[in-house]
Amino acid sequence: MLQQSIPIGLAPGRTVEAQMMGVSNTPNNLHLVLRYQGPGYQREQHTVHPGTGGWMRMNMAVDIPADADPGSITLEVWRMPGGDGDATVDNVELRVDDL
């Protein structure tokens, strides 16, 4: 798996909205992932490209709990192993409410 992370330390107690343009020829191959953890929990939210071979806007909005560890919050782009062809990403955008 290939992975690229963007830390989001200012997000606890806020809504994080992310989007990117992606293209993949294989279902479940290209993921936009928001990860965070807090006392006693760890969470991941995935938006997955359907693998149609065309460009698609991949969107997500996640409410981050106020008790989330600021150092644990990351936006990640994953290309899963075993997929046929390439996965390409363009125009990753990130917005944190009230910032």
PDB file of N, CA and C in Angstrom:
ATOM      1  N   MET A   1       0.846  -1.173   0.000  1.00  0.00           N
ATOM      2  CA  MET A   1       0.000   0.000   0.000  1.00  0.00           C
ATOM      3  C   MET A   1       0.892   1.237   0.000  1.00  0.00           C
ATOM      4  N   LEU A   2       0.585   2.206  -0.834  1.00  0.00           N
ATOM      5  CA  LEU A   2       1.230   3.507  -0.810  1.00  0.00           C
ATOM      6  C   LEU A   2       0.331   4.454  -0.048  1.00  0.00           C
ATOM      7  N   GLN A   3       0.934   5.355   0.738  1.00  0.00           N
ATOM      8  CA  GLN A   3       0.146   6.227   1.594  1.00  0.00           C
ATOM      9  C   GLN A   3       0.825   7.579   1.713  1.00  0.00           C
ATOM     10  N   GLN A   4       0.056   8.653   1.654  1.00  0.00           N
ATOM     11  CA  GLN A   4       0.555  10.012   1.884  1.00  0.00           C
ATOM     12  C   GLN A   4      -0.341  10.648   2.932  1.00  0.00           C
ATOM     13  N   SER A   5       0.248  11.260   3.969  1.00  0.00           N
ATOM     14  CA  SER A   5      -0.537  11.833   5.070  1.00  0.00           C
ATOM     15  C   SER A   5      -0.378  13.346   5.137  1.00  0.00           C
ATOM     16  N   ILE A   6      -1.461  14.024   5.563  1.00  0.00           N
ATOM     17  CA  ILE A   6      -1.454  15.454   5.848  1.00  0.00           C
ATOM     18  C   ILE A   6      -1.945  15.605   7.288  1.00  0.00           C
ATOM     19  N   PRO A   7      -1.113  16.100   8.225  1.00  0.00           N
ATOM     20  CA  PRO A   7      -1.571  16.261   9.611  1.00  0.00           C
ATOM     21  C   PRO A   7      -2.564  17.423   9.737  1.00  0.00           C
ATOM     22  N   ILE A   8      -3.561  17.257  10.622  1.00  0.00           N
ATOM     23  CA  ILE A   8      -4.599  18.284  10.827  1.00  0.00           C
ATOM     24  C   ILE A   8      -4.748  18.515  12.329  1.00  0.00           C
ATOM     25  N   GLY A   9      -3.781  19.114  12.978  1.00  0.00           N
ATOM     26  CA  GLY A   9      -3.772  19.252  14.432  1.00  0.00           C
ATOM     27  C   GLY A   9      -4.769  20.227  15.009  1.00  0.00           C
ATOM     28  N   LEU A  10      -5.396  21.075  14.200  1.00  0.00           N
ATOM     29  CA  LEU A  10      -6.321  22.081  14.718  1.00  0.00           C
ATOM     30  C   LEU A  10      -7.774  21.650  14.658  1.00  0.00           C
ATOM     31  N   ALA A  11      -8.049  20.395  14.380  1.00  0.00           N
ATOM     32  CA  ALA A  11      -9.404  19.952  14.086  1.00  0.00           C
ATOM     33  C   ALA A  11     -10.269  19.473  15.256  1.00  0.00           C
ATOM     34  N   PRO A  12      -9.757  19.141  16.446  1.00  0.00           N
ATOM     35  CA  PRO A  12     -10.659  18.633  17.484  1.00  0.00           C
ATOM     36  C   PRO A  12     -11.830  19.580  17.741  1.00  0.00           C
ATOM     37  N   GLY A  13     -13.048  18.999  17.786  1.00  0.00           N
ATOM     38  CA  GLY A  13     -14.256  19.768  18.024  1.00  0.00           C
ATOM     39  C   GLY A  13     -14.781  20.499  16.803  1.00  0.00           C
ATOM     40  N   ARG A  14     -14.203  20.215  15.636  1.00  0.00           N
ATOM     41  CA  ARG A  14     -14.615  20.895  14.404  1.00  0.00           C
ATOM     42  C   ARG A  14     -14.986  19.867  13.336  1.00  0.00           C
ATOM     43  N   THR A  15     -15.590  20.346  12.263  1.00  0.00           N
ATOM     44  CA  THR A  15     -15.892  19.500  11.115  1.00  0.00           C
ATOM     45  C   THR A  15     -14.788  19.658  10.087  1.00  0.00           C
ATOM     46  N   VAL A  16     -14.277  18.532   9.607  1.00  0.00           N
ATOM     47  CA  VAL A  16     -13.263  18.522   8.559  1.00  0.00           C
ATOM     48  C   VAL A  16     -13.947  18.090   7.268  1.00  0.00           C
ATOM     49  N   GLU A  17     -13.804  18.906   6.231  1.00  0.00           N
ATOM     50  CA  GLU A  17     -14.304  18.561   4.908  1.00  0.00           C
ATOM     51  C   GLU A  17     -13.101  18.385   3.996  1.00  0.00           C
ATOM     52  N   ALA A  18     -13.096  17.298   3.238  1.00  0.00           N
ATOM     53  CA  ALA A  18     -11.998  17.027   2.319  1.00  0.00           C
ATOM     54  C   ALA A  18     -12.566  16.552   0.997  1.00  0.00           C
ATOM     55  N   GLN A  19     -11.854  16.887  -0.063  1.00  0.00           N
ATOM     56  CA  GLN A  19     -12.218  16.364  -1.375  1.00  0.00           C
ATOM     57  C   GLN A  19     -10.959  16.251  -2.211  1.00  0.00           C
ATOM     58  N   MET A  20     -10.995  15.353  -3.162  1.00  0.00           N
ATOM     59  CA  MET A  20      -9.920  15.239  -4.137  1.00  0.00           C
ATOM     60  C   MET A  20     -10.493  14.674  -5.420  1.00  0.00           C
ATOM     61  N   MET A  21      -9.820  14.944  -6.488  1.00  0.00           N
ATOM     62  CA  MET A  21     -10.134  14.330  -7.771  1.00  0.00           C
ATOM     63  C   MET A  21      -9.256  13.093  -7.888  1.00  0.00           C
ATOM     64  N   GLY A  22      -9.843  11.994  -8.305  1.00  0.00           N
ATOM     65  CA  GLY A  22      -9.073  10.764  -8.441  1.00  0.00           C
ATOM     66  C   GLY A  22      -9.543   9.953  -9.624  1.00  0.00           C
ATOM     67  N   VAL A  23      -8.658   9.107 -10.133  1.00  0.00           N
ATOM     68  CA  VAL A  23      -9.006   8.172 -11.190  1.00  0.00           C
ATOM     69  C   VAL A  23      -8.328   6.846 -10.881  1.00  0.00           C
ATOM     70  N   SER A  24      -9.063   5.767 -11.088  1.00  0.00           N
ATOM     71  CA  SER A  24      -8.537   4.422 -10.859  1.00  0.00           C
ATOM     72  C   SER A  24      -9.286   3.450 -11.764  1.00  0.00           C
ATOM     73  N   ASN A  25      -8.588   2.423 -12.210  1.00  0.00           N
ATOM     74  CA  ASN A  25      -9.197   1.393 -13.060  1.00  0.00           C
ATOM     75  C   ASN A  25      -9.660   0.180 -12.270  1.00  0.00           C
ATOM     76  N   THR A  26      -9.436   0.181 -10.955  1.00  0.00           N
ATOM     77  CA  THR A  26      -9.735  -0.983 -10.135  1.00  0.00           C
ATOM     78  C   THR A  26     -10.610  -0.589  -8.948  1.00  0.00           C
ATOM     79  N   PRO A  27     -11.745  -1.253  -8.712  1.00  0.00           N
ATOM     80  CA  PRO A  27     -12.569  -0.954  -7.542  1.00  0.00           C
ATOM     81  C   PRO A  27     -11.782  -1.122  -6.240  1.00  0.00           C
ATOM     82  N   ASN A  28     -12.075  -0.282  -5.267  1.00  0.00           N
ATOM     83  CA  ASN A  28     -11.484  -0.348  -3.934  1.00  0.00           C
ATOM     84  C   ASN A  28      -9.972  -0.151  -3.946  1.00  0.00           C
ATOM     85  N   ASN A  29      -9.450   0.523  -4.957  1.00  0.00           N
ATOM     86  CA  ASN A  29      -8.011   0.713  -5.097  1.00  0.00           C
ATOM     87  C   ASN A  29      -7.543   2.067  -4.557  1.00  0.00           C
ATOM     88  N   LEU A  30      -8.345   3.117  -4.748  1.00  0.00           N
ATOM     89  CA  LEU A  30      -7.955   4.471  -4.368  1.00  0.00           C
ATOM     90  C   LEU A  30      -8.863   4.957  -3.247  1.00  0.00           C
ATOM     91  N   HIS A  31      -8.261   5.336  -2.109  1.00  0.00           N
ATOM     92  CA  HIS A  31      -9.008   5.752  -0.920  1.00  0.00           C
ATOM     93  C   HIS A  31      -8.560   7.140  -0.473  1.00  0.00           C
ATOM     94  N   LEU A  32      -9.524   7.965  -0.057  1.00  0.00           N
ATOM     95  CA  LEU A  32      -9.280   9.181   0.709  1.00  0.00           C
ATOM     96  C   LEU A  32      -9.708   8.845   2.132  1.00  0.00           C
ATOM     97  N   VAL A  33      -8.798   8.990   3.103  1.00  0.00           N
ATOM     98  CA  VAL A  33      -9.036   8.483   4.460  1.00  0.00           C
ATOM     99  C   VAL A  33      -8.752   9.579   5.487  1.00  0.00           C
ATOM    100  N   LEU A  34      -9.688   9.777   6.412  1.00  0.00           N
ATOM    101  CA  LEU A  34      -9.457  10.651   7.553  1.00  0.00           C
ATOM    102  C   LEU A  34      -9.357   9.761   8.788  1.00  0.00           C
ATOM    103  N   ARG A  35      -8.243   9.894   9.513  1.00  0.00           N
ATOM    104  CA  ARG A  35      -8.023   9.059  10.703  1.00  0.00           C
ATOM    105  C   ARG A  35      -7.788   9.935  11.917  1.00  0.00           C
ATOM    106  N   TYR A  36      -8.294   9.470  13.077  1.00  0.00           N
ATOM    107  CA  TYR A  36      -8.063  10.169  14.340  1.00  0.00           C
ATOM    108  C   TYR A  36      -8.301   9.206  15.490  1.00  0.00           C
ATOM    109  N   GLN A  37      -7.795   9.589  16.659  1.00  0.00           N
ATOM    110  CA  GLN A  37      -8.027   8.774  17.852  1.00  0.00           C
ATOM    111  C   GLN A  37      -8.176   9.678  19.063  1.00  0.00           C
ATOM    112  N   GLY A  38      -8.786   9.116  20.079  1.00  0.00           N
ATOM    113  CA  GLY A  38      -8.989   9.805  21.351  1.00  0.00           C
ATOM    114  C   GLY A  38      -8.923   8.792  22.461  1.00  0.00           C
ATOM    115  N   PRO A  39      -9.313   9.167  23.666  1.00  0.00           N
ATOM    116  CA  PRO A  39      -9.233   8.240  24.789  1.00  0.00           C
ATOM    117  C   PRO A  39     -10.119   7.009  24.561  1.00  0.00           C
ATOM    118  N   GLY A  40      -9.515   5.876  24.346  1.00  0.00           N
ATOM    119  CA  GLY A  40     -10.242   4.619  24.197  1.00  0.00           C
ATOM    120  C   GLY A  40     -10.839   4.359  22.832  1.00  0.00           C
ATOM    121  N   TYR A  41     -10.545   5.162  21.823  1.00  0.00           N
ATOM    122  CA  TYR A  41     -11.094   4.897  20.491  1.00  0.00           C
ATOM    123  C   TYR A  41     -10.111   5.311  19.397  1.00  0.00           C
ATOM    124  N   GLN A  42     -10.293   4.691  18.244  1.00  0.00           N
ATOM    125  CA  GLN A  42      -9.572   5.041  17.028  1.00  0.00           C
ATOM    126  C   GLN A  42     -10.551   4.926  15.873  1.00  0.00           C
ATOM    127  N   ARG A  43     -10.615   5.936  15.001  1.00  0.00           N
ATOM    128  CA  ARG A  43     -11.605   5.941  13.920  1.00  0.00           C
ATOM    129  C   ARG A  43     -10.959   6.225  12.573  1.00  0.00           C
ATOM    130  N   GLU A  44     -11.584   5.689  11.524  1.00  0.00           N
ATOM    131  CA  GLU A  44     -11.200   5.959  10.139  1.00  0.00           C
ATOM    132  C   GLU A  44     -12.475   6.182   9.333  1.00  0.00           C
ATOM    133  N   GLN A  45     -12.464   7.195   8.490  1.00  0.00           N
ATOM    134  CA  GLN A  45     -13.548   7.430   7.542  1.00  0.00           C
ATOM    135  C   GLN A  45     -12.940   7.318   6.142  1.00  0.00           C
ATOM    136  N   HIS A  46     -13.527   6.472   5.287  1.00  0.00           N
ATOM    137  CA  HIS A  46     -13.018   6.245   3.937  1.00  0.00           C
ATOM    138  C   HIS A  46     -14.006   6.738   2.895  1.00  0.00           C
ATOM    139  N   THR A  47     -13.483   7.342   1.825  1.00  0.00           N
ATOM    140  CA  THR A  47     -14.213   7.570   0.582  1.00  0.00           C
ATOM    141  C   THR A  47     -13.419   6.830  -0.482  1.00  0.00           C
ATOM    142  N   VAL A  48     -14.090   5.983  -1.243  1.00  0.00           N
ATOM    143  CA  VAL A  48     -13.391   5.066  -2.151  1.00  0.00           C
ATOM    144  C   VAL A  48     -13.830   5.309  -3.596  1.00  0.00           C
ATOM    145  N   HIS A  49     -12.851   5.345  -4.492  1.00  0.00           N
ATOM    146  CA  HIS A  49     -13.145   5.473  -5.923  1.00  0.00           C
ATOM    147  C   HIS A  49     -13.748   4.155  -6.415  1.00  0.00           C
ATOM    148  N   PRO A  50     -14.784   4.198  -7.271  1.00  0.00           N
ATOM    149  CA  PRO A  50     -15.432   2.959  -7.719  1.00  0.00           C
ATOM    150  C   PRO A  50     -14.627   2.154  -8.739  1.00  0.00           C
ATOM    151  N   GLY A  51     -13.530   2.697  -9.247  1.00  0.00           N
ATOM    152  CA  GLY A  51     -12.704   1.938 -10.187  1.00  0.00           C
ATOM    153  C   GLY A  51     -13.232   1.918 -11.604  1.00  0.00           C
ATOM    154  N   THR A  52     -13.920   2.968 -11.998  1.00  0.00           N
ATOM    155  CA  THR A  52     -14.533   3.034 -13.326  1.00  0.00           C
ATOM    156  C   THR A  52     -13.575   3.494 -14.417  1.00  0.00           C
ATOM    157  N   GLY A  53     -12.375   3.922 -14.049  1.00  0.00           N
ATOM    158  CA  GLY A  53     -11.405   4.399 -15.026  1.00  0.00           C
ATOM    159  C   GLY A  53     -11.566   5.863 -15.378  1.00  0.00           C
ATOM    160  N   GLY A  54     -12.545   6.537 -14.795  1.00  0.00           N
ATOM    161  CA  GLY A  54     -12.761   7.955 -15.062  1.00  0.00           C
ATOM    162  C   GLY A  54     -12.464   8.807 -13.841  1.00  0.00           C
ATOM    163  N   TRP A  55     -12.251  10.097 -14.095  1.00  0.00           N
ATOM    164  CA  TRP A  55     -12.040  11.041 -13.002  1.00  0.00           C
ATOM    165  C   TRP A  55     -13.327  11.189 -12.200  1.00  0.00           C
ATOM    166  N   MET A  56     -13.178  11.277 -10.886  1.00  0.00           N
ATOM    167  CA  MET A  56     -14.318  11.421  -9.990  1.00  0.00           C
ATOM    168  C   MET A  56     -13.918  12.284  -8.811  1.00  0.00           C
ATOM    169  N   ARG A  57     -14.831  13.155  -8.378  1.00  0.00           N
ATOM    170  CA  ARG A  57     -14.598  13.934  -7.149  1.00  0.00           C
ATOM    171  C   ARG A  57     -14.951  13.045  -5.957  1.00  0.00           C
ATOM    172  N   MET A  58     -14.016  12.895  -5.056  1.00  0.00           N
ATOM    173  CA  MET A  58     -14.199  12.076  -3.853  1.00  0.00           C
ATOM    174  C   MET A  58     -14.334  13.045  -2.673  1.00  0.00           C
ATOM    175  N   ASN A  59     -15.509  13.037  -1.995  1.00  0.00           N
ATOM    176  CA  ASN A  59     -15.819  13.995  -0.931  1.00  0.00           C
ATOM    177  C   ASN A  59     -16.039  13.291   0.401  1.00  0.00           C
ATOM    178  N   MET A  60     -15.749  14.018   1.485  1.00  0.00           N
ATOM    179  CA  MET A  60     -16.114  13.547   2.828  1.00  0.00           C
ATOM    180  C   MET A  60     -16.222  14.744   3.760  1.00  0.00           C
ATOM    181  N   ALA A  61     -17.050  14.583   4.790  1.00  0.00           N
ATOM    182  CA  ALA A  61     -17.164  15.558   5.874  1.00  0.00           C
ATOM    183  C   ALA A  61     -17.253  14.748   7.162  1.00  0.00           C
ATOM    184  N   VAL A  62     -16.391  15.070   8.124  1.00  0.00           N
ATOM    185  CA  VAL A  62     -16.317  14.300   9.361  1.00  0.00           C
ATOM    186  C   VAL A  62     -16.306  15.269  10.538  1.00  0.00           C
ATOM    187  N   ASP A  63     -17.186  15.018  11.517  1.00  0.00           N
ATOM    188  CA  ASP A  63     -17.177  15.773  12.769  1.00  0.00           C
ATOM    189  C   ASP A  63     -16.149  15.128  13.693  1.00  0.00           C
ATOM    190  N   ILE A  64     -15.104  15.873  14.029  1.00  0.00           N
ATOM    191  CA  ILE A  64     -14.042  15.354  14.902  1.00  0.00           C
ATOM    192  C   ILE A  64     -14.427  15.647  16.349  1.00  0.00           C
ATOM    193  N   PRO A  65     -14.457  14.629  17.211  1.00  0.00           N
ATOM    194  CA  PRO A  65     -14.810  14.863  18.615  1.00  0.00           C
ATOM    195  C   PRO A  65     -13.817  15.822  19.288  1.00  0.00           C
ATOM    196  N   ALA A  66     -14.314  16.590  20.254  1.00  0.00           N
ATOM    197  CA  ALA A  66     -13.469  17.561  20.960  1.00  0.00           C
ATOM    198  C   ALA A  66     -12.338  16.888  21.736  1.00  0.00           C
ATOM    199  N   ASP A  67     -12.513  15.613  22.120  1.00  0.00           N
ATOM    200  CA  ASP A  67     -11.470  14.931  22.893  1.00  0.00           C
ATOM    201  C   ASP A  67     -10.467  14.174  22.018  1.00  0.00           C
ATOM    202  N   ALA A  68     -10.539  14.358  20.696  1.00  0.00           N
ATOM    203  CA  ALA A  68      -9.584  13.687  19.798  1.00  0.00           C
ATOM    204  C   ALA A  68      -8.178  14.246  20.023  1.00  0.00           C
ATOM    205  N   ASP A  69      -7.200  13.389  19.934  1.00  0.00           N
ATOM    206  CA  ASP A  69      -5.793  13.775  20.067  1.00  0.00           C
ATOM    207  C   ASP A  69      -5.385  14.575  18.825  1.00  0.00           C
ATOM    208  N   PRO A  70      -5.014  15.862  18.977  1.00  0.00           N
ATOM    209  CA  PRO A  70      -4.661  16.679  17.811  1.00  0.00           C
ATOM    210  C   PRO A  70      -3.529  16.077  16.973  1.00  0.00           C
ATOM    211  N   GLY A  71      -2.611  15.375  17.598  1.00  0.00           N
ATOM    212  CA  GLY A  71      -1.491  14.772  16.879  1.00  0.00           C
ATOM    213  C   GLY A  71      -1.854  13.538  16.084  1.00  0.00           C
ATOM    214  N   SER A  72      -3.069  13.030  16.278  1.00  0.00           N
ATOM    215  CA  SER A  72      -3.472  11.790  15.602  1.00  0.00           C
ATOM    216  C   SER A  72      -4.308  12.036  14.351  1.00  0.00           C
ATOM    217  N   ILE A  73      -4.729  13.267  14.105  1.00  0.00           N
ATOM    218  CA  ILE A  73      -5.678  13.554  13.032  1.00  0.00           C
ATOM    219  C   ILE A  73      -4.922  13.736  11.716  1.00  0.00           C
ATOM    220  N   THR A  74      -5.195  12.855  10.757  1.00  0.00           N
ATOM    221  CA  THR A  74      -4.524  12.943   9.464  1.00  0.00           C
ATOM    222  C   THR A  74      -5.512  12.709   8.329  1.00  0.00           C
ATOM    223  N   LEU A  75      -5.263  13.373   7.223  1.00  0.00           N
ATOM    224  CA  LEU A  75      -5.943  13.093   5.969  1.00  0.00           C
ATOM    225  C   LEU A  75      -4.952  12.305   5.131  1.00  0.00           C
ATOM    226  N   GLU A  76      -5.373  11.146   4.622  1.00  0.00           N
ATOM    227  CA  GLU A  76      -4.463  10.249   3.917  1.00  0.00           C
ATOM    228  C   GLU A  76      -5.029   9.845   2.566  1.00  0.00           C
ATOM    229  N   VAL A  77      -4.143   9.628   1.625  1.00  0.00           N
ATOM    230  CA  VAL A  77      -4.495   9.089   0.317  1.00  0.00           C
ATOM    231  C   VAL A  77      -3.833   7.724   0.230  1.00  0.00           C
ATOM    232  N   TRP A  78      -4.645   6.686  -0.019  1.00  0.00           N
ATOM    233  CA  TRP A  78      -4.138   5.310  -0.089  1.00  0.00           C
ATOM    234  C   TRP A  78      -4.321   4.756  -1.488  1.00  0.00           C
ATOM    235  N   ARG A  79      -3.322   4.041  -1.962  1.00  0.00           N
ATOM    236  CA  ARG A  79      -3.439   3.205  -3.157  1.00  0.00           C
ATOM    237  C   ARG A  79      -3.200   1.788  -2.673  1.00  0.00           C
ATOM    238  N   MET A  80      -4.226   0.978  -2.731  1.00  0.00           N
ATOM    239  CA  MET A  80      -4.175  -0.362  -2.154  1.00  0.00           C
ATOM    240  C   MET A  80      -3.362  -1.308  -3.034  1.00  0.00           C
ATOM    241  N   PRO A  81      -2.778  -2.354  -2.431  1.00  0.00           N
ATOM    242  CA  PRO A  81      -1.998  -3.307  -3.212  1.00  0.00           C
ATOM    243  C   PRO A  81      -2.891  -4.178  -4.094  1.00  0.00           C
ATOM    244  N   GLY A  82      -2.321  -4.671  -5.163  1.00  0.00           N
ATOM    245  CA  GLY A  82      -3.002  -5.648  -6.003  1.00  0.00           C
ATOM    246  C   GLY A  82      -3.897  -5.086  -7.069  1.00  0.00           C
ATOM    247  N   GLY A  83      -3.999  -3.765  -7.174  1.00  0.00           N
ATOM    248  CA  GLY A  83      -4.867  -3.175  -8.180  1.00  0.00           C
ATOM    249  C   GLY A  83      -4.228  -3.193  -9.555  1.00  0.00           C
ATOM    250  N   ASP A  84      -5.042  -3.307 -10.583  1.00  0.00           N
ATOM    251  CA  ASP A  84      -4.560  -3.239 -11.954  1.00  0.00           C
ATOM    252  C   ASP A  84      -4.444  -1.776 -12.369  1.00  0.00           C
ATOM    253  N   GLY A  85      -3.370  -1.430 -13.056  1.00  0.00           N
ATOM    254  CA  GLY A  85      -3.213  -0.069 -13.564  1.00  0.00           C
ATOM    255  C   GLY A  85      -2.856   0.920 -12.482  1.00  0.00           C
ATOM    256  N   ASP A  86      -2.925   2.179 -12.869  1.00  0.00           N
ATOM    257  CA  ASP A  86      -2.506   3.253 -11.976  1.00  0.00           C
ATOM    258  C   ASP A  86      -3.688   3.867 -11.250  1.00  0.00           C
ATOM    259  N   ALA A  87      -3.378   4.530 -10.172  1.00  0.00           N
ATOM    260  CA  ALA A  87      -4.324   5.398  -9.490  1.00  0.00           C
ATOM    261  C   ALA A  87      -3.696   6.790  -9.495  1.00  0.00           C
ATOM    262  N   THR A  88      -4.464   7.787  -9.911  1.00  0.00           N
ATOM    263  CA  THR A  88      -3.945   9.145 -10.018  1.00  0.00           C
ATOM    264  C   THR A  88      -4.809  10.083  -9.192  1.00  0.00           C
ATOM    265  N   VAL A  89      -4.155  11.046  -8.534  1.00  0.00           N
ATOM    266  CA  VAL A  89      -4.832  11.989  -7.652  1.00  0.00           C
ATOM    267  C   VAL A  89      -4.475  13.404  -8.088  1.00  0.00           C
ATOM    268  N   ASP A  90      -5.448  14.315  -7.990  1.00  0.00           N
ATOM    269  CA  ASP A  90      -5.218  15.716  -8.303  1.00  0.00           C
ATOM    270  C   ASP A  90      -6.132  16.559  -7.420  1.00  0.00           C
ATOM    271  N   ASN A  91      -5.715  17.773  -7.115  1.00  0.00           N
ATOM    272  CA  ASN A  91      -6.556  18.767  -6.430  1.00  0.00           C
ATOM    273  C   ASN A  91      -7.110  18.283  -5.094  1.00  0.00           C
ATOM    274  N   VAL A  92      -6.252  17.897  -4.161  1.00  0.00           N
ATOM    275  CA  VAL A  92      -6.701  17.560  -2.818  1.00  0.00           C
ATOM    276  C   VAL A  92      -6.992  18.871  -2.084  1.00  0.00           C
ATOM    277  N   GLU A  93      -8.206  18.993  -1.537  1.00  0.00           N
ATOM    278  CA  GLU A  93      -8.617  20.199  -0.813  1.00  0.00           C
ATOM    279  C   GLU A  93      -9.062  19.813   0.591  1.00  0.00           C
ATOM    280  N   LEU A  94      -8.744  20.667   1.554  1.00  0.00           N
ATOM    281  CA  LEU A  94      -9.055  20.407   2.948  1.00  0.00           C
ATOM    282  C   LEU A  94      -9.614  21.692   3.557  1.00  0.00           C
ATOM    283  N   ARG A  95     -10.696  21.546   4.324  1.00  0.00           N
ATOM    284  CA  ARG A  95     -11.312  22.676   4.997  1.00  0.00           C
ATOM    285  C   ARG A  95     -11.670  22.253   6.412  1.00  0.00           C
ATOM    286  N   VAL A  96     -11.311  23.085   7.397  1.00  0.00           N
ATOM    287  CA  VAL A  96     -11.685  22.846   8.787  1.00  0.00           C
ATOM    288  C   VAL A  96     -12.588  23.998   9.196  1.00  0.00           C
ATOM    289  N   ASP A  97     -13.830  23.696   9.623  1.00  0.00           N
ATOM    290  CA  ASP A  97     -14.791  24.725  10.011  1.00  0.00           C
ATOM    291  C   ASP A  97     -14.205  25.647  11.082  1.00  0.00           C
ATOM    292  N   ASP A  98     -14.559  26.920  11.026  1.00  0.00           N
ATOM    293  CA  ASP A  98     -14.195  27.935  12.007  1.00  0.00           C
ATOM    294  C   ASP A  98     -12.711  28.289  12.013  1.00  0.00           C
ATOM    295  N   LEU A  99     -11.972  27.920  10.983  1.00  0.00           N
ATOM    296  CA  LEU A  99     -10.550  28.310  10.915  1.00  0.00           C
ATOM    297  C   LEU A  99     -10.342  29.246   9.763  1.00  0.00           C
TER     298      LEU A  99
END
